[in-house]
Amino acid sequence: MALEGQTEMKDFGKSWFPSGSLIGEFSEQIRLSQQQERSAVAVHTARIEAELASKAKSEFIASMSHELRTPLNAIIGFSDMLRTQPKQPPEQVEQYAGYIHDAAQHLLQLINEILDVSKIQAGKLTVDLQPVSLTSLVTSCMHFIEPRAASSGIHLHCNIHENLPEAFADDLRLKQVLLNLLSNAVKFTEANGNISVEVSAKDDKQILFTIADNGKGMTAQELHMATQPFGQVRNGHGDANEGTGLGLPISVALIKAHNGKFSLESQKGEGTVASFTIPTRAAAAAAAGGDAGAKITADPFTNLEDYPEEGVVPN
């Protein structure tokens, strides 16, 4: 309200104009025009987001219907053979039981990945940070992946530096990240190739994990695709590799949840290097106010699509 004897003014940005003046009316028209334009942009953005969400949902359903159907069909098929043909030789029964077990394990992995990415996107995935023995953890992962690498003629190398500071991590989630990265390395490395795992102290606050291979590598476009949920890079024969395409995005999210940093570099025809850091116990204790033995729950990294357009996830 204007005081007596003063002219009422209108606010337009940082300027003030007398009410009823030509410039005042002009500024009001500009303000209304800007409001209409902002509203139109907001409506257009919301429509695009809804269309993208619908497309993502359709792609998810299409991908999952195939990925879930494959192991389910194997389980049904081999169990039906055991049921309808009870007089099978013992070695045949053992073989069929092995097929059923493998298919069930694959199905369980798919379901776990779907549940993990749902928790991440909902902001409900947590990690329980505790002191971890890195030597035993990395060794167990290497032993797990060794048979698959050996069957493909791939050589594994492991270098765990001595006198590493004590790490603070979620044991199960850290294993999940390592196995995801090792599985990808085996998948994209050909016979007589090499995969190396190195664990070193980056400084007194961070422990660095590096997983490198001399496999097929990826272009910048393929690398960007690999970091997206449900994104799958084609193999050398032009076919998509099996799986949901969730392993790498989940690994990135889990390292973020550890308050660590993740990077991925690749060159087509030369190989890929994935590296990430996790905090040392001293760094975690400092962040927790000195209580290094307490359970620490980290906030999850919820935005799985926050990746650069080019081929490197920066550290």
C-alpha atoms as a PDB file:
ATOM      1  CA  MET A   1       0.000   0.000   0.000  1.00  0.00           C
ATOM      2  CA  ALA A   2       1.367   3.434  -0.970  1.00  0.00           C
ATOM      3  CA  LEU A   3       1.639   6.157   1.678  1.00  0.00           C
ATOM      4  CA  GLU A   4      -0.410   9.371   1.226  1.00  0.00           C
ATOM      5  CA  GLY A   5       1.232  11.690  -1.246  1.00  0.00           C
ATOM      6  CA  GLN A   6       3.362   8.896  -2.777  1.00  0.00           C
ATOM      7  CA  THR A   7       2.894   7.071  -6.066  1.00  0.00           C
ATOM      8  CA  GLU A   8       2.084   3.317  -5.853  1.00  0.00           C
ATOM      9  CA  MET A   9       4.895   1.278  -7.369  1.00  0.00           C
ATOM     10  CA  LYS A  10       4.991  -2.176  -8.960  1.00  0.00           C
ATOM     11  CA  ASP A  11       7.800  -4.655  -8.522  1.00  0.00           C
ATOM     12  CA  PHE A  12       9.375  -6.040 -11.697  1.00  0.00           C
ATOM     13  CA  GLY A  13      12.677  -7.743 -11.046  1.00  0.00           C
ATOM     14  CA  LYS A  14      15.044  -5.242  -9.517  1.00  0.00           C
ATOM     15  CA  SER A  15      13.282  -2.210 -11.030  1.00  0.00           C
ATOM     16  CA  TRP A  16      10.353  -0.163  -9.762  1.00  0.00           C
ATOM     17  CA  PHE A  17       7.882   1.627 -12.036  1.00  0.00           C
ATOM     18  CA  PRO A  18       4.961   3.932 -11.278  1.00  0.00           C
ATOM     19  CA  SER A  19       1.572   2.201 -11.400  1.00  0.00           C
ATOM     20  CA  GLY A  20      -0.418   3.055 -14.494  1.00  0.00           C
ATOM     21  CA  SER A  21       2.579   4.356 -16.386  1.00  0.00           C
ATOM     22  CA  LEU A  22       3.379   3.073 -19.867  1.00  0.00           C
ATOM     23  CA  ILE A  23       6.601   1.421 -18.734  1.00  0.00           C
ATOM     24  CA  GLY A  24       4.777  -0.084 -15.746  1.00  0.00           C
ATOM     25  CA  GLU A  25       2.120  -1.671 -17.987  1.00  0.00           C
ATOM     26  CA  PHE A  26       4.833  -2.878 -20.338  1.00  0.00           C
ATOM     27  CA  SER A  27       6.763  -4.522 -17.500  1.00  0.00           C
ATOM     28  CA  GLU A  28       3.551  -6.189 -16.279  1.00  0.00           C
ATOM     29  CA  GLN A  29       2.980  -7.699 -19.727  1.00  0.00           C
ATOM     30  CA  ILE A  30       6.525  -9.010 -19.776  1.00  0.00           C
ATOM     31  CA  ARG A  31       6.059 -10.548 -16.314  1.00  0.00           C
ATOM     32  CA  LEU A  32       2.846 -12.298 -17.352  1.00  0.00           C
ATOM     33  CA  SER A  33       4.472 -13.504 -20.557  1.00  0.00           C
ATOM     34  CA  GLN A  34       7.391 -14.955 -18.604  1.00  0.00           C
ATOM     35  CA  GLN A  35       5.022 -16.709 -16.197  1.00  0.00           C
ATOM     36  CA  GLN A  36       3.139 -18.272 -19.097  1.00  0.00           C
ATOM     37  CA  GLU A  37       6.382 -19.367 -20.723  1.00  0.00           C
ATOM     38  CA  ARG A  38       7.655 -20.938 -17.483  1.00  0.00           C
ATOM     39  CA  SER A  39       4.347 -22.754 -17.033  1.00  0.00           C
ATOM     40  CA  ALA A  40       4.508 -24.084 -20.601  1.00  0.00           C
ATOM     41  CA  VAL A  41       8.101 -25.284 -20.068  1.00  0.00           C
ATOM     42  CA  ALA A  42       7.116 -26.999 -16.799  1.00  0.00           C
ATOM     43  CA  VAL A  43       4.199 -28.778 -18.500  1.00  0.00           C
ATOM     44  CA  HIS A  44       6.423 -29.853 -21.397  1.00  0.00           C
ATOM     45  CA  THR A  45       9.118 -31.114 -19.010  1.00  0.00           C
ATOM     46  CA  ALA A  46       6.586 -33.054 -16.979  1.00  0.00           C
ATOM     47  CA  ARG A  47       5.207 -34.660 -20.154  1.00  0.00           C
ATOM     48  CA  ILE A  48       8.688 -35.676 -21.309  1.00  0.00           C
ATOM     49  CA  GLU A  49       9.492 -37.138 -17.878  1.00  0.00           C
ATOM     50  CA  ALA A  50       6.240 -39.098 -17.922  1.00  0.00           C
ATOM     51  CA  GLU A  51       7.007 -40.432 -21.411  1.00  0.00           C
ATOM     52  CA  LEU A  52      10.527 -41.420 -20.362  1.00  0.00           C
ATOM     53  CA  ALA A  53       9.186 -43.137 -17.253  1.00  0.00           C
ATOM     54  CA  SER A  54       6.682 -45.037 -19.379  1.00  0.00           C
ATOM     55  CA  LYS A  55       9.413 -46.020 -21.845  1.00  0.00           C
ATOM     56  CA  ALA A  56      11.699 -47.155 -19.010  1.00  0.00           C
ATOM     57  CA  LYS A  57       8.869 -49.206 -17.555  1.00  0.00           C
ATOM     58  CA  SER A  58       8.200 -50.857 -20.921  1.00  0.00           C
ATOM     59  CA  GLU A  59      11.894 -51.600 -21.444  1.00  0.00           C
ATOM     60  CA  PHE A  60      12.120 -53.002 -17.923  1.00  0.00           C
ATOM     61  CA  ILE A  61       9.146 -55.324 -18.478  1.00  0.00           C
ATOM     62  CA  ALA A  62      10.498 -56.482 -21.849  1.00  0.00           C
ATOM     63  CA  SER A  63      13.967 -57.128 -20.412  1.00  0.00           C
ATOM     64  CA  MET A  64      12.725 -58.881 -17.293  1.00  0.00           C
ATOM     65  CA  SER A  65      10.235 -61.065 -19.147  1.00  0.00           C
ATOM     66  CA  HIS A  66      13.123 -62.515 -21.152  1.00  0.00           C
ATOM     67  CA  GLU A  67      15.673 -62.693 -18.337  1.00  0.00           C
ATOM     68  CA  LEU A  68      13.284 -64.336 -15.865  1.00  0.00           C
ATOM     69  CA  ARG A  69      11.743 -66.695 -18.408  1.00  0.00           C
ATOM     70  CA  THR A  70      15.092 -68.232 -19.431  1.00  0.00           C
ATOM     71  CA  PRO A  71      16.122 -69.725 -16.050  1.00  0.00           C
ATOM     72  CA  LEU A  72      12.507 -70.565 -15.196  1.00  0.00           C
ATOM     73  CA  ASN A  73      12.151 -72.576 -18.399  1.00  0.00           C
ATOM     74  CA  ALA A  74      15.379 -74.436 -17.576  1.00  0.00           C
ATOM     75  CA  ILE A  75      14.152 -75.262 -14.073  1.00  0.00           C
ATOM     76  CA  ILE A  76      10.761 -76.426 -15.335  1.00  0.00           C
ATOM     77  CA  GLY A  77      12.235 -78.408 -18.215  1.00  0.00           C
ATOM     78  CA  PHE A  78      14.879 -80.361 -16.321  1.00  0.00           C
ATOM     79  CA  SER A  79      12.694 -80.923 -13.254  1.00  0.00           C
ATOM     80  CA  ASP A  80       9.948 -82.232 -15.542  1.00  0.00           C
ATOM     81  CA  MET A  81      12.405 -84.666 -17.118  1.00  0.00           C
ATOM     82  CA  LEU A  82      13.351 -85.932 -13.653  1.00  0.00           C
ATOM     83  CA  ARG A  83       9.680 -86.235 -12.707  1.00  0.00           C
ATOM     84  CA  THR A  84       8.468 -88.011 -15.850  1.00  0.00           C
ATOM     85  CA  GLN A  85      11.561 -90.194 -16.316  1.00  0.00           C
ATOM     86  CA  PRO A  86      12.354 -91.532 -12.819  1.00  0.00           C
ATOM     87  CA  LYS A  87      14.670 -94.303 -14.055  1.00  0.00           C
ATOM     88  CA  GLN A  88      17.484 -92.016 -15.136  1.00  0.00           C
ATOM     89  CA  PRO A  89      21.140 -93.061 -14.674  1.00  0.00           C
ATOM     90  CA  PRO A  90      22.662 -91.478 -11.536  1.00  0.00           C
ATOM     91  CA  GLU A  91      25.085 -89.380 -13.578  1.00  0.00           C
ATOM     92  CA  GLN A  92      22.195 -88.030 -15.669  1.00  0.00           C
ATOM     93  CA  VAL A  93      20.217 -87.132 -12.536  1.00  0.00           C
ATOM     94  CA  GLU A  94      23.268 -85.359 -11.129  1.00  0.00           C
ATOM     95  CA  GLN A  95      23.711 -83.427 -14.369  1.00  0.00           C
ATOM     96  CA  TYR A  96      20.064 -82.338 -14.476  1.00  0.00           C
ATOM     97  CA  ALA A  97      20.183 -81.374 -10.797  1.00  0.00           C
ATOM     98  CA  GLY A  98      23.248 -79.255 -11.548  1.00  0.00           C
ATOM     99  CA  TYR A  99      21.425 -77.495 -14.390  1.00  0.00           C
ATOM    100  CA  ILE A 100      18.471 -76.782 -12.103  1.00  0.00           C
ATOM    101  CA  HIS A 101      20.772 -75.474  -9.371  1.00  0.00           C
ATOM    102  CA  ASP A 102      22.611 -73.153 -11.785  1.00  0.00           C
ATOM    103  CA  ALA A 103      19.354 -71.824 -13.225  1.00  0.00           C
ATOM    104  CA  ALA A 104      17.953 -71.216  -9.735  1.00  0.00           C
ATOM    105  CA  GLN A 105      21.119 -69.357  -8.694  1.00  0.00           C
ATOM    106  CA  HIS A 106      20.906 -67.199 -11.806  1.00  0.00           C
ATOM    107  CA  LEU A 107      17.234 -66.487 -11.113  1.00  0.00           C
ATOM    108  CA  LEU A 108      18.047 -65.528  -7.510  1.00  0.00           C
ATOM    109  CA  GLN A 109      20.760 -63.152  -8.720  1.00  0.00           C
ATOM    110  CA  LEU A 110      18.315 -61.461 -11.099  1.00  0.00           C
ATOM    111  CA  ILE A 111      15.735 -61.006  -8.355  1.00  0.00           C
ATOM    112  CA  ASN A 112      18.334 -59.644  -5.927  1.00  0.00           C
ATOM    113  CA  GLU A 113      19.534 -57.120  -8.513  1.00  0.00           C
ATOM    114  CA  ILE A 114      15.976 -55.958  -9.181  1.00  0.00           C
ATOM    115  CA  LEU A 115      15.357 -55.542  -5.445  1.00  0.00           C
ATOM    116  CA  ASP A 116      18.657 -53.693  -4.977  1.00  0.00           C
ATOM    117  CA  VAL A 117      18.019 -51.185  -7.750  1.00  0.00           C
ATOM    118  CA  SER A 118      14.487 -50.617  -6.444  1.00  0.00           C
ATOM    119  CA  LYS A 119      15.882 -49.831  -2.991  1.00  0.00           C
ATOM    120  CA  ILE A 120      18.525 -47.540  -4.474  1.00  0.00           C
ATOM    121  CA  GLN A 121      16.054 -45.567  -6.553  1.00  0.00           C
ATOM    122  CA  ALA A 122      13.743 -45.276  -3.542  1.00  0.00           C
ATOM    123  CA  GLY A 123      16.629 -44.066  -1.377  1.00  0.00           C
ATOM    124  CA  LYS A 124      16.262 -46.994   1.034  1.00  0.00           C
ATOM    125  CA  LEU A 125      19.445 -48.968   0.478  1.00  0.00           C
ATOM    126  CA  THR A 126      21.863 -48.761   3.387  1.00  0.00           C
ATOM    127  CA  VAL A 127      25.297 -50.192   4.082  1.00  0.00           C
ATOM    128  CA  ASP A 128      26.559 -51.264   7.505  1.00  0.00           C
ATOM    129  CA  LEU A 129      30.168 -50.121   7.764  1.00  0.00           C
ATOM    130  CA  GLN A 130      32.376 -52.301   9.971  1.00  0.00           C
ATOM    131  CA  PRO A 131      36.104 -53.185  10.110  1.00  0.00           C
ATOM    132  CA  VAL A 132      36.875 -55.574   7.243  1.00  0.00           C
ATOM    133  CA  SER A 133      39.786 -57.909   6.503  1.00  0.00           C
ATOM    134  CA  LEU A 134      40.605 -57.002   2.921  1.00  0.00           C
ATOM    135  CA  THR A 135      42.953 -59.925   2.319  1.00  0.00           C
ATOM    136  CA  SER A 136      40.362 -62.581   3.125  1.00  0.00           C
ATOM    137  CA  LEU A 137      37.583 -60.676   1.332  1.00  0.00           C
ATOM    138  CA  VAL A 138      39.511 -60.207  -1.919  1.00  0.00           C
ATOM    139  CA  THR A 139      40.905 -63.746  -1.797  1.00  0.00           C
ATOM    140  CA  SER A 140      37.436 -65.251  -1.444  1.00  0.00           C
ATOM    141  CA  CYS A 141      36.228 -63.231  -4.455  1.00  0.00           C
ATOM    142  CA  MET A 142      39.186 -64.415  -6.522  1.00  0.00           C
ATOM    143  CA  HIS A 143      38.516 -68.039  -5.576  1.00  0.00           C
ATOM    144  CA  PHE A 144      34.866 -67.614  -6.544  1.00  0.00           C
ATOM    145  CA  ILE A 145      35.603 -66.196 -10.004  1.00  0.00           C
ATOM    146  CA  GLU A 146      38.624 -68.437 -10.716  1.00  0.00           C
ATOM    147  CA  PRO A 147      36.731 -71.446 -12.192  1.00  0.00           C
ATOM    148  CA  ARG A 148      34.875 -69.250 -14.690  1.00  0.00           C
ATOM    149  CA  ALA A 149      38.074 -67.494 -15.710  1.00  0.00           C
ATOM    150  CA  ALA A 150      39.942 -70.803 -16.056  1.00  0.00           C
ATOM    151  CA  SER A 151      37.207 -72.278 -18.246  1.00  0.00           C
ATOM    152  CA  SER A 152      37.604 -69.284 -20.578  1.00  0.00           C
ATOM    153  CA  GLY A 153      41.400 -69.479 -20.611  1.00  0.00           C
ATOM    154  CA  ILE A 154      41.796 -66.170 -18.744  1.00  0.00           C
ATOM    155  CA  HIS A 155      44.667 -65.507 -16.330  1.00  0.00           C
ATOM    156  CA  LEU A 156      43.934 -63.863 -12.970  1.00  0.00           C
ATOM    157  CA  HIS A 157      46.464 -61.779 -11.044  1.00  0.00           C
ATOM    158  CA  CYS A 158      46.047 -60.378  -7.535  1.00  0.00           C
ATOM    159  CA  ASN A 159      48.267 -57.895  -5.698  1.00  0.00           C
ATOM    160  CA  ILE A 160      47.227 -56.892  -2.180  1.00  0.00           C
ATOM    161  CA  HIS A 161      49.767 -54.436  -0.790  1.00  0.00           C
ATOM    162  CA  GLU A 162      51.215 -55.100   2.642  1.00  0.00           C
ATOM    163  CA  ASN A 163      50.554 -52.964   5.714  1.00  0.00           C
ATOM    164  CA  LEU A 164      47.265 -51.640   4.447  1.00  0.00           C
ATOM    165  CA  PRO A 165      45.307 -49.475   6.898  1.00  0.00           C
ATOM    166  CA  GLU A 166      42.207 -51.129   8.327  1.00  0.00           C
ATOM    167  CA  ALA A 167      39.215 -50.689   6.075  1.00  0.00           C
ATOM    168  CA  PHE A 168      35.662 -49.756   7.013  1.00  0.00           C
ATOM    169  CA  ALA A 169      33.056 -51.311   4.735  1.00  0.00           C
ATOM    170  CA  ASP A 170      29.992 -53.491   4.432  1.00  0.00           C
ATOM    171  CA  ASP A 171      31.532 -56.932   3.890  1.00  0.00           C
ATOM    172  CA  LEU A 172      28.671 -58.378   1.801  1.00  0.00           C
ATOM    173  CA  ARG A 173      28.163 -55.252  -0.306  1.00  0.00           C
ATOM    174  CA  LEU A 174      31.877 -54.874  -0.987  1.00  0.00           C
ATOM    175  CA  LYS A 175      31.999 -58.502  -2.151  1.00  0.00           C
ATOM    176  CA  GLN A 176      29.033 -57.772  -4.392  1.00  0.00           C
ATOM    177  CA  VAL A 177      30.884 -54.879  -6.030  1.00  0.00           C
ATOM    178  CA  LEU A 178      34.084 -56.886  -6.554  1.00  0.00           C
ATOM    179  CA  LEU A 179      32.243 -59.886  -7.994  1.00  0.00           C
ATOM    180  CA  ASN A 180      30.238 -57.643 -10.339  1.00  0.00           C
ATOM    181  CA  LEU A 181      33.401 -56.012 -11.672  1.00  0.00           C
ATOM    182  CA  LEU A 182      35.291 -59.317 -11.938  1.00  0.00           C
ATOM    183  CA  SER A 183      32.345 -60.973 -13.717  1.00  0.00           C
ATOM    184  CA  ASN A 184      32.219 -58.124 -16.232  1.00  0.00           C
ATOM    185  CA  ALA A 185      35.975 -58.400 -16.787  1.00  0.00           C
ATOM    186  CA  VAL A 186      35.701 -62.148 -17.461  1.00  0.00           C
ATOM    187  CA  LYS A 187      32.715 -61.581 -19.744  1.00  0.00           C
ATOM    188  CA  PHE A 188      34.577 -59.106 -21.968  1.00  0.00           C
ATOM    189  CA  THR A 189      38.042 -60.714 -21.944  1.00  0.00           C
ATOM    190  CA  GLU A 190      38.973 -63.342 -24.517  1.00  0.00           C
ATOM    191  CA  ALA A 191      41.084 -66.482 -24.105  1.00  0.00           C
ATOM    192  CA  ASN A 192      44.692 -65.901 -22.977  1.00  0.00           C
ATOM    193  CA  GLY A 193      43.664 -62.496 -21.664  1.00  0.00           C
ATOM    194  CA  ASN A 194      44.644 -61.099 -18.280  1.00  0.00           C
ATOM    195  CA  ILE A 195      42.645 -59.666 -15.407  1.00  0.00           C
ATOM    196  CA  SER A 196      44.410 -58.029 -12.468  1.00  0.00           C
ATOM    197  CA  VAL A 197      43.156 -56.907  -9.073  1.00  0.00           C
ATOM    198  CA  GLU A 198      45.244 -54.513  -7.005  1.00  0.00           C
ATOM    199  CA  VAL A 199      44.458 -53.193  -3.524  1.00  0.00           C
ATOM    200  CA  SER A 200      46.601 -50.329  -2.235  1.00  0.00           C
ATOM    201  CA  ALA A 201      46.501 -47.385   0.142  1.00  0.00           C
ATOM    202  CA  LYS A 202      45.702 -44.226  -1.806  1.00  0.00           C
ATOM    203  CA  ASP A 203      46.437 -42.200   1.333  1.00  0.00           C
ATOM    204  CA  ASP A 204      45.815 -42.475   5.062  1.00  0.00           C
ATOM    205  CA  LYS A 205      42.077 -41.923   4.491  1.00  0.00           C
ATOM    206  CA  GLN A 206      41.293 -44.079   1.438  1.00  0.00           C
ATOM    207  CA  ILE A 207      41.956 -47.592   0.167  1.00  0.00           C
ATOM    208  CA  LEU A 208      42.080 -47.988  -3.599  1.00  0.00           C
ATOM    209  CA  PHE A 209      40.803 -51.033  -5.521  1.00  0.00           C
ATOM    210  CA  THR A 210      41.772 -51.384  -9.190  1.00  0.00           C
ATOM    211  CA  ILE A 211      40.353 -54.075 -11.505  1.00  0.00           C
ATOM    212  CA  ALA A 212      41.949 -54.026 -14.963  1.00  0.00           C
ATOM    213  CA  ASP A 213      41.597 -56.263 -18.019  1.00  0.00           C
ATOM    214  CA  ASN A 214      42.997 -56.319 -21.540  1.00  0.00           C
ATOM    215  CA  GLY A 215      39.695 -57.403 -23.063  1.00  0.00           C
ATOM    216  CA  LYS A 216      37.503 -55.931 -25.776  1.00  0.00           C
ATOM    217  CA  GLY A 217      37.033 -52.560 -24.109  1.00  0.00           C
ATOM    218  CA  MET A 218      34.261 -50.102 -24.862  1.00  0.00           C
ATOM    219  CA  THR A 219      33.706 -46.919 -26.820  1.00  0.00           C
ATOM    220  CA  ALA A 220      32.558 -43.759 -25.024  1.00  0.00           C
ATOM    221  CA  GLN A 221      28.978 -44.477 -26.111  1.00  0.00           C
ATOM    222  CA  GLU A 222      29.121 -48.083 -24.902  1.00  0.00           C
ATOM    223  CA  LEU A 223      30.680 -47.015 -21.611  1.00  0.00           C
ATOM    224  CA  HIS A 224      27.886 -44.525 -21.020  1.00  0.00           C
ATOM    225  CA  MET A 225      25.319 -47.217 -21.835  1.00  0.00           C
ATOM    226  CA  ALA A 226      26.955 -49.669 -19.417  1.00  0.00           C
ATOM    227  CA  THR A 227      26.525 -47.256 -16.513  1.00  0.00           C
ATOM    228  CA  GLN A 228      22.790 -46.912 -17.089  1.00  0.00           C
ATOM    229  CA  PRO A 229      20.259 -49.234 -15.401  1.00  0.00           C
ATOM    230  CA  PHE A 230      19.348 -52.089 -17.804  1.00  0.00           C
ATOM    231  CA  GLY A 231      22.022 -50.933 -20.250  1.00  0.00           C
ATOM    232  CA  GLN A 232      23.832 -53.825 -21.918  1.00  0.00           C
ATOM    233  CA  VAL A 233      26.881 -53.605 -24.149  1.00  0.00           C
ATOM    234  CA  ARG A 234      26.996 -55.906 -27.160  1.00  0.00           C
ATOM    235  CA  ASN A 235      29.657 -58.552 -27.341  1.00  0.00           C
ATOM    236  CA  GLY A 236      31.947 -59.111 -30.281  1.00  0.00           C
ATOM    237  CA  HIS A 237      29.267 -61.055 -32.156  1.00  0.00           C
ATOM    238  CA  GLY A 238      26.707 -58.271 -31.913  1.00  0.00           C
ATOM    239  CA  ASP A 239      24.652 -59.941 -29.213  1.00  0.00           C
ATOM    240  CA  ALA A 240      23.809 -58.487 -25.809  1.00  0.00           C
ATOM    241  CA  ASN A 241      25.361 -60.326 -22.914  1.00  0.00           C
ATOM    242  CA  GLU A 242      23.108 -62.120 -20.468  1.00  0.00           C
ATOM    243  CA  GLY A 243      21.937 -60.350 -17.335  1.00  0.00           C
ATOM    244  CA  THR A 244      19.800 -57.403 -16.379  1.00  0.00           C
ATOM    245  CA  GLY A 245      22.352 -54.685 -17.060  1.00  0.00           C
ATOM    246  CA  LEU A 246      22.096 -53.639 -13.393  1.00  0.00           C
ATOM    247  CA  GLY A 247      25.410 -54.876 -12.007  1.00  0.00           C
ATOM    248  CA  LEU A 248      27.555 -51.838 -12.833  1.00  0.00           C
ATOM    249  CA  PRO A 249      25.014 -49.140 -11.804  1.00  0.00           C
ATOM    250  CA  ILE A 250      24.432 -51.008  -8.537  1.00  0.00           C
ATOM    251  CA  SER A 251      28.202 -51.180  -7.942  1.00  0.00           C
ATOM    252  CA  VAL A 252      28.520 -47.418  -8.482  1.00  0.00           C
ATOM    253  CA  ALA A 253      25.647 -46.784  -6.072  1.00  0.00           C
ATOM    254  CA  LEU A 254      27.119 -49.066  -3.405  1.00  0.00           C
ATOM    255  CA  ILE A 255      30.506 -47.348  -3.531  1.00  0.00           C
ATOM    256  CA  LYS A 256      28.786 -43.966  -3.275  1.00  0.00           C
ATOM    257  CA  ALA A 257      26.933 -45.321  -0.246  1.00  0.00           C
ATOM    258  CA  HIS A 258      30.333 -46.187   1.287  1.00  0.00           C
ATOM    259  CA  ASN A 259      31.321 -42.522   0.893  1.00  0.00           C
ATOM    260  CA  GLY A 260      33.803 -43.743  -1.704  1.00  0.00           C
ATOM    261  CA  LYS A 261      34.527 -42.717  -5.290  1.00  0.00           C
ATOM    262  CA  PHE A 262      34.154 -44.819  -8.446  1.00  0.00           C
ATOM    263  CA  SER A 263      35.789 -44.372 -11.838  1.00  0.00           C
ATOM    264  CA  LEU A 264      35.651 -46.331 -15.062  1.00  0.00           C
ATOM    265  CA  GLU A 265      37.910 -45.953 -18.085  1.00  0.00           C
ATOM    266  CA  SER A 266      37.968 -48.002 -21.258  1.00  0.00           C
ATOM    267  CA  GLN A 267      39.478 -48.079 -24.725  1.00  0.00           C
ATOM    268  CA  LYS A 268      37.979 -50.140 -27.520  1.00  0.00           C
ATOM    269  CA  GLY A 269      40.264 -53.069 -28.263  1.00  0.00           C
ATOM    270  CA  GLU A 270      42.584 -52.349 -25.327  1.00  0.00           C
ATOM    271  CA  GLY A 271      40.595 -53.114 -22.191  1.00  0.00           C
ATOM    272  CA  THR A 272      38.871 -51.552 -19.209  1.00  0.00           C
ATOM    273  CA  VAL A 273      40.024 -50.266 -15.843  1.00  0.00           C
ATOM    274  CA  ALA A 274      37.544 -49.927 -12.976  1.00  0.00           C
ATOM    275  CA  SER A 275      38.696 -48.372  -9.730  1.00  0.00           C
ATOM    276  CA  PHE A 276      37.029 -47.308  -6.519  1.00  0.00           C
ATOM    277  CA  THR A 277      37.923 -46.169  -3.028  1.00  0.00           C
ATOM    278  CA  ILE A 278      36.529 -46.931   0.419  1.00  0.00           C
ATOM    279  CA  PRO A 279      37.361 -45.140   3.678  1.00  0.00           C
ATOM    280  CA  THR A 280      39.917 -46.384   6.161  1.00  0.00           C
ATOM    281  CA  ARG A 281      38.836 -47.037   9.728  1.00  0.00           C
ATOM    282  CA  ALA A 282      40.606 -43.860  10.878  1.00  0.00           C
ATOM    283  CA  ALA A 283      38.757 -41.755   8.301  1.00  0.00           C
ATOM    284  CA  ALA A 284      35.425 -43.356   9.187  1.00  0.00           C
ATOM    285  CA  ALA A 285      36.104 -42.788  12.892  1.00  0.00           C
ATOM    286  CA  ALA A 286      36.857 -39.122  12.261  1.00  0.00           C
ATOM    287  CA  ALA A 287      33.635 -38.755  10.279  1.00  0.00           C
ATOM    288  CA  ALA A 288      31.694 -40.496  13.065  1.00  0.00           C
ATOM    289  CA  GLY A 289      33.080 -38.289  15.823  1.00  0.00           C
ATOM    290  CA  GLY A 290      35.741 -40.718  17.009  1.00  0.00           C
ATOM    291  CA  ASP A 291      33.598 -43.823  17.533  1.00  0.00           C
ATOM    292  CA  ALA A 292      35.278 -46.183  15.071  1.00  0.00           C
ATOM    293  CA  GLY A 293      33.573 -49.263  16.462  1.00  0.00           C
ATOM    294  CA  ALA A 294      30.022 -48.057  15.981  1.00  0.00           C
ATOM    295  CA  LYS A 295      27.766 -49.234  13.211  1.00  0.00           C
ATOM    296  CA  ILE A 296      27.567 -46.591  10.525  1.00  0.00           C
ATOM    297  CA  THR A 297      24.753 -46.556   8.009  1.00  0.00           C
ATOM    298  CA  ALA A 298      25.548 -44.568   4.886  1.00  0.00           C
ATOM    299  CA  ASP A 299      22.966 -42.791   2.794  1.00  0.00           C
ATOM    300  CA  PRO A 300      22.438 -44.475  -0.592  1.00  0.00           C
ATOM    301  CA  PHE A 301      23.307 -42.952  -3.923  1.00  0.00           C
ATOM    302  CA  THR A 302      19.808 -42.587  -5.359  1.00  0.00           C
ATOM    303  CA  ASN A 303      20.409 -41.026  -8.783  1.00  0.00           C
ATOM    304  CA  LEU A 304      21.562 -43.874 -10.995  1.00  0.00           C
ATOM    305  CA  GLU A 305      21.301 -41.748 -14.147  1.00  0.00           C
ATOM    306  CA  ASP A 306      23.750 -39.083 -12.975  1.00  0.00           C
ATOM    307  CA  TYR A 307      26.527 -40.067 -15.343  1.00  0.00           C
ATOM    308  CA  PRO A 308      28.431 -38.014 -17.925  1.00  0.00           C
ATOM    309  CA  GLU A 309      27.715 -38.305 -21.611  1.00  0.00           C
ATOM    310  CA  GLU A 310      31.307 -39.266 -22.368  1.00  0.00           C
ATOM    311  CA  GLY A 311      33.133 -42.463 -21.577  1.00  0.00           C
ATOM    312  CA  VAL A 312      34.550 -41.865 -18.127  1.00  0.00           C
ATOM    313  CA  VAL A 313      32.846 -41.845 -14.749  1.00  0.00           C
ATOM    314  CA  PRO A 314      35.131 -39.374 -12.963  1.00  0.00           C
ATOM    315  CA  ASN A 315      36.735 -39.951  -9.612  1.00  0.00           C
END
